Amino acid sequence: MKEEFFEKNRVEIKNAFPTPIIMTLMPNFESINKKLRKIILAREKKIGKSKDYSSNIGGWHSDREMQQWGGKHFEEVINVAKLLASKSTALRNGRPSNFSWSINAWSNINRKGDSNEFHIHPGAFWSGVYYVDDGGCYDNKKFNGEFIIMDPRGSGPSMYTPSYCFTGPGGNSVGATELLSPRNGIILLFPSWLYHGVRPYNGNSERISISFNLSIAGKNNE
């Protein structure tokens, strides 16, 4: 009877309140990352110790104006990020909207033992990260250093029966967290209100990334 019911009746499952996580591999990332790595390490050497710690637990955090010193390869990355954001943003009423993106961006270097505590990015619509050098994390999972996101509903959904979850895509992380392993050349976009962090990096190199915020500017046709 149980299996027969599903064979004879259409059952629809709607995932309400989705949280989009957008990922793509940057074209020509090998050559881009080679140049960006040199630029970021040179910037660290020039300005020295971080003055903006933000969510950092150890590690190095540049100023938030990378668009002024990141060069053309940085612009290539940000242009792809803007393209992804524009394709994934719409007015609720379905009307077309003409807008542009205002950005601020910075670079991060995590070395052995460095991490980032959970935080959000106020004042933006989309936030993102681009991996210049994953520090070996993608090939060696023992290095950790994963990007970690928290269920925006909090722990409530898992408090009644922690060992149970929902079936379907993403159901296993209800009331918990998701881990995304860094990988060279990956651009990752997420809603700016989503709590996220970085687990401690246990490799012996540098885990280098670019973080950015995209805020809607020049809003029209609302």
Protein backbone atom coordinates (compact mmCIF):
# COMPACT_ATOMS: atom_id res chain seq x y z
CA MET A 1 0.00 0.00 0.00
CA LYS A 2 2.76 2.45 0.90
CA GLU A 3 4.69 2.16 -2.36
CA GLU A 4 1.48 1.83 -4.36
CA PHE A 5 0.31 5.20 -3.07
CA PHE A 6 3.38 6.97 -4.42
CA GLU A 7 3.11 5.13 -7.73
CA LYS A 8 -0.49 6.25 -8.27
CA ASN A 9 -0.45 9.72 -6.74
CA ARG A 10 1.64 12.76 -7.58
CA VAL A 11 3.37 14.22 -4.54
CA GLU A 12 4.92 17.66 -4.81
CA ILE A 13 7.55 18.96 -2.40
CA LYS A 14 8.11 22.71 -2.48
CA ASN A 15 11.28 24.08 -0.91
CA ALA A 16 10.07 27.31 0.68
CA PHE A 17 12.40 30.16 1.67
CA PRO A 18 15.38 29.03 -0.41
CA THR A 19 18.88 30.32 0.33
CA PRO A 20 20.79 30.55 -2.96
CA ILE A 21 24.47 29.66 -3.01
CA ILE A 22 25.97 30.37 -6.45
CA MET A 23 29.24 28.83 -7.62
CA THR A 24 31.17 28.83 -10.87
CA LEU A 25 34.74 28.27 -12.03
CA MET A 26 36.45 31.41 -13.31
CA PRO A 27 37.64 31.07 -16.94
CA ASN A 28 41.44 31.15 -17.28
CA PHE A 29 41.80 31.10 -13.52
CA GLU A 30 45.30 29.61 -13.58
CA SER A 31 46.91 32.65 -15.20
CA ILE A 32 44.67 35.09 -13.31
CA ASN A 33 45.49 33.54 -9.95
CA LYS A 34 49.22 33.57 -10.63
CA LYS A 35 49.11 37.35 -11.06
CA LEU A 36 46.66 37.98 -8.21
CA ARG A 37 48.73 35.93 -5.78
CA LYS A 38 51.77 38.13 -6.44
CA ILE A 39 49.71 41.32 -6.11
CA ILE A 40 48.13 40.28 -2.80
CA LEU A 41 51.37 39.06 -1.20
CA ALA A 42 53.06 42.30 -2.29
CA ARG A 43 50.22 44.29 -0.71
CA GLU A 44 50.65 42.40 2.55
CA LYS A 45 54.37 43.16 2.53
CA LYS A 46 53.73 46.84 1.79
CA ILE A 47 51.12 47.63 4.45
CA GLY A 48 52.21 45.09 7.05
CA LYS A 49 50.03 43.97 9.93
CA SER A 50 46.27 44.10 9.41
CA LYS A 51 44.49 47.18 10.73
CA ASP A 52 41.07 45.70 9.96
CA TYR A 53 40.60 42.41 11.80
CA SER A 54 36.83 42.06 11.21
CA SER A 55 36.06 38.34 11.57
CA ASN A 56 39.71 37.27 11.46
CA ILE A 57 41.14 34.95 14.08
CA GLY A 58 44.73 35.35 13.02
CA GLY A 59 45.46 35.80 9.35
CA TRP A 60 45.82 38.95 7.27
CA HIS A 61 43.06 41.26 6.00
CA SER A 62 43.76 44.02 3.49
CA ASP A 63 42.04 47.38 3.24
CA ARG A 64 38.56 47.32 1.69
CA GLU A 65 39.46 49.16 -1.50
CA MET A 66 41.00 46.39 -3.57
CA GLN A 67 39.32 47.83 -6.66
CA GLN A 68 41.93 50.61 -6.48
CA TRP A 69 44.98 48.33 -6.47
CA GLY A 70 43.86 44.87 -7.62
CA GLY A 71 44.46 45.57 -11.31
CA LYS A 72 42.82 44.16 -14.44
CA HIS A 73 42.78 40.55 -13.23
CA PHE A 74 40.81 41.58 -10.17
CA GLU A 75 38.40 43.44 -12.46
CA GLU A 76 37.91 40.28 -14.53
CA VAL A 77 36.87 38.36 -11.41
CA ILE A 78 34.52 41.10 -10.20
CA ASN A 79 32.90 41.44 -13.63
CA VAL A 80 31.99 37.74 -13.55
CA ALA A 81 30.66 38.14 -10.00
CA LYS A 82 28.49 41.07 -11.15
CA LEU A 83 27.22 39.00 -14.06
CA LEU A 84 26.21 36.16 -11.72
CA ALA A 85 24.56 38.59 -9.30
CA SER A 86 22.58 40.37 -12.03
CA LYS A 87 21.34 37.06 -13.43
CA SER A 88 20.20 36.02 -9.93
CA THR A 89 18.45 39.26 -8.87
CA ALA A 90 14.94 40.42 -9.80
CA LEU A 91 12.11 42.67 -8.66
CA ARG A 92 9.36 40.93 -6.70
CA ASN A 93 6.69 42.36 -9.02
CA GLY A 94 8.30 40.80 -12.08
CA ARG A 95 8.95 44.11 -13.85
CA PRO A 96 12.34 44.67 -15.49
CA SER A 97 14.81 46.65 -13.44
CA ASN A 98 17.83 48.65 -14.50
CA PHE A 99 20.46 48.87 -11.79
CA SER A 100 24.19 48.75 -11.29
CA TRP A 101 26.36 47.24 -8.58
CA SER A 102 28.39 49.16 -6.05
CA ILE A 103 31.29 47.08 -4.75
CA ASN A 104 33.85 46.98 -2.02
CA ALA A 105 36.45 44.24 -1.86
CA TRP A 106 39.43 43.06 0.12
CA SER A 107 41.90 40.18 0.20
CA ASN A 108 42.58 37.63 2.92
CA ILE A 109 45.58 35.45 3.72
CA ASN A 110 45.18 32.61 6.19
CA ARG A 111 48.19 30.61 7.28
CA LYS A 112 48.44 27.59 9.59
CA GLY A 113 45.91 27.89 12.43
CA ASP A 114 44.12 30.97 11.05
CA SER A 115 40.33 31.10 10.70
CA ASN A 116 37.34 33.44 10.51
CA GLU A 117 34.52 33.49 13.04
CA PHE A 118 30.85 33.51 12.01
CA HIS A 119 29.70 36.88 10.67
CA ILE A 120 27.44 38.61 8.15
CA HIS A 121 27.97 41.53 5.75
CA PRO A 122 25.47 44.33 6.53
CA GLY A 123 24.60 46.89 3.87
CA ALA A 124 24.91 44.62 0.83
CA PHE A 125 22.63 42.36 -1.23
CA TRP A 126 25.15 39.73 -2.34
CA SER A 127 28.52 38.88 -0.85
CA GLY A 128 31.11 36.56 -2.25
CA VAL A 129 34.55 35.04 -2.21
CA TYR A 130 37.03 34.15 -4.93
CA TYR A 131 39.77 31.60 -4.28
CA VAL A 132 43.18 32.72 -5.51
CA ASP A 133 45.05 29.91 -3.73
CA ASP A 134 43.24 27.21 -1.76
CA GLY A 135 46.43 26.36 0.11
CA GLY A 136 46.09 22.71 -0.87
CA CYS A 137 42.69 22.32 0.83
CA TYR A 138 40.93 20.95 -2.23
CA ASP A 139 43.40 18.09 -2.68
CA ASN A 140 44.04 17.40 1.00
CA LYS A 141 40.92 17.51 3.19
CA LYS A 142 43.09 17.26 6.32
CA PHE A 143 44.07 20.88 5.73
CA ASN A 144 40.46 21.89 6.49
CA GLY A 145 40.02 25.64 5.86
CA GLU A 146 36.47 25.09 4.59
CA PHE A 147 33.98 27.89 4.04
CA ILE A 148 31.18 27.19 6.52
CA ILE A 149 27.60 28.50 6.34
CA MET A 150 24.96 28.35 9.05
CA ASP A 151 21.28 27.47 8.60
CA PRO A 152 19.60 30.93 8.75
CA ARG A 153 16.74 29.37 10.74
CA GLY A 154 19.18 28.63 13.54
CA SER A 155 19.41 25.38 15.46
CA GLY A 156 15.67 25.15 16.14
CA PRO A 157 14.86 22.64 13.38
CA SER A 158 17.32 20.11 14.83
CA MET A 159 16.53 20.46 18.54
CA TYR A 160 13.61 18.02 18.72
CA THR A 161 15.31 15.09 16.95
CA PRO A 162 18.95 15.94 16.18
CA SER A 163 19.57 12.65 14.36
CA TYR A 164 16.71 13.15 11.86
CA CYS A 165 16.55 15.42 8.82
CA PHE A 166 14.45 16.11 5.73
CA THR A 167 14.74 14.09 2.55
CA GLY A 168 15.67 15.87 -0.65
CA PRO A 169 18.52 18.19 -1.67
CA GLY A 170 20.03 20.07 1.27
CA GLY A 171 17.82 18.38 3.84
CA ASN A 172 20.68 16.91 5.83
CA SER A 173 21.93 20.32 7.01
CA VAL A 174 18.65 21.49 8.54
CA GLY A 175 19.39 23.26 11.82
CA ALA A 176 23.12 22.77 11.30
CA THR A 177 25.86 23.91 8.92
CA GLU A 178 27.18 23.25 5.41
CA LEU A 179 30.87 23.00 4.53
CA LEU A 180 32.23 24.11 1.16
CA SER A 181 35.83 23.21 0.40
CA PRO A 182 37.85 26.04 -1.21
CA ARG A 183 39.15 25.40 -4.71
CA ASN A 184 41.39 27.51 -6.91
CA GLY A 185 39.35 29.63 -9.33
CA ILE A 186 35.93 29.18 -7.72
CA ILE A 187 33.68 32.23 -7.37
CA LEU A 188 31.11 31.81 -4.61
CA LEU A 189 28.13 34.16 -4.09
CA PHE A 190 25.69 34.11 -1.18
CA PRO A 191 23.12 36.45 0.44
CA SER A 192 24.91 39.03 2.58
CA TRP A 193 22.69 38.24 5.59
CA LEU A 194 23.82 34.60 5.69
CA TYR A 195 26.05 33.75 8.65
CA HIS A 196 29.33 32.28 7.44
CA GLY A 197 32.91 31.72 8.51
CA VAL A 198 36.12 29.83 7.73
CA ARG A 199 37.37 26.78 9.62
CA PRO A 200 41.01 26.78 10.82
CA TYR A 201 43.49 26.19 8.02
CA ASN A 202 45.94 23.39 8.85
CA GLY A 203 48.16 23.47 5.77
CA ASN A 204 51.69 24.83 5.52
CA SER A 205 51.20 27.36 2.72
CA GLU A 206 48.90 30.36 2.25
CA ARG A 207 45.14 30.16 1.77
CA ILE A 208 44.47 33.32 -0.26
CA SER A 209 41.04 34.66 -1.16
CA ILE A 210 39.27 37.82 -2.27
CA SER A 211 36.06 38.79 -0.47
CA PHE A 212 33.58 41.32 -1.83
CA ASN A 213 30.17 42.91 -1.31
CA LEU A 214 27.72 43.84 -4.05
CA SER A 215 25.18 46.54 -3.17
CA ILE A 216 22.40 47.67 -5.52
CA ALA A 217 22.97 51.17 -6.90
CA GLY A 218 21.04 53.22 -9.43
CA LYS A 219 17.71 51.49 -8.73
CA ASN A 220 15.07 52.18 -11.41
CA ASN A 221 11.65 50.95 -12.50
CA GLU A 222 10.54 49.90 -9.03
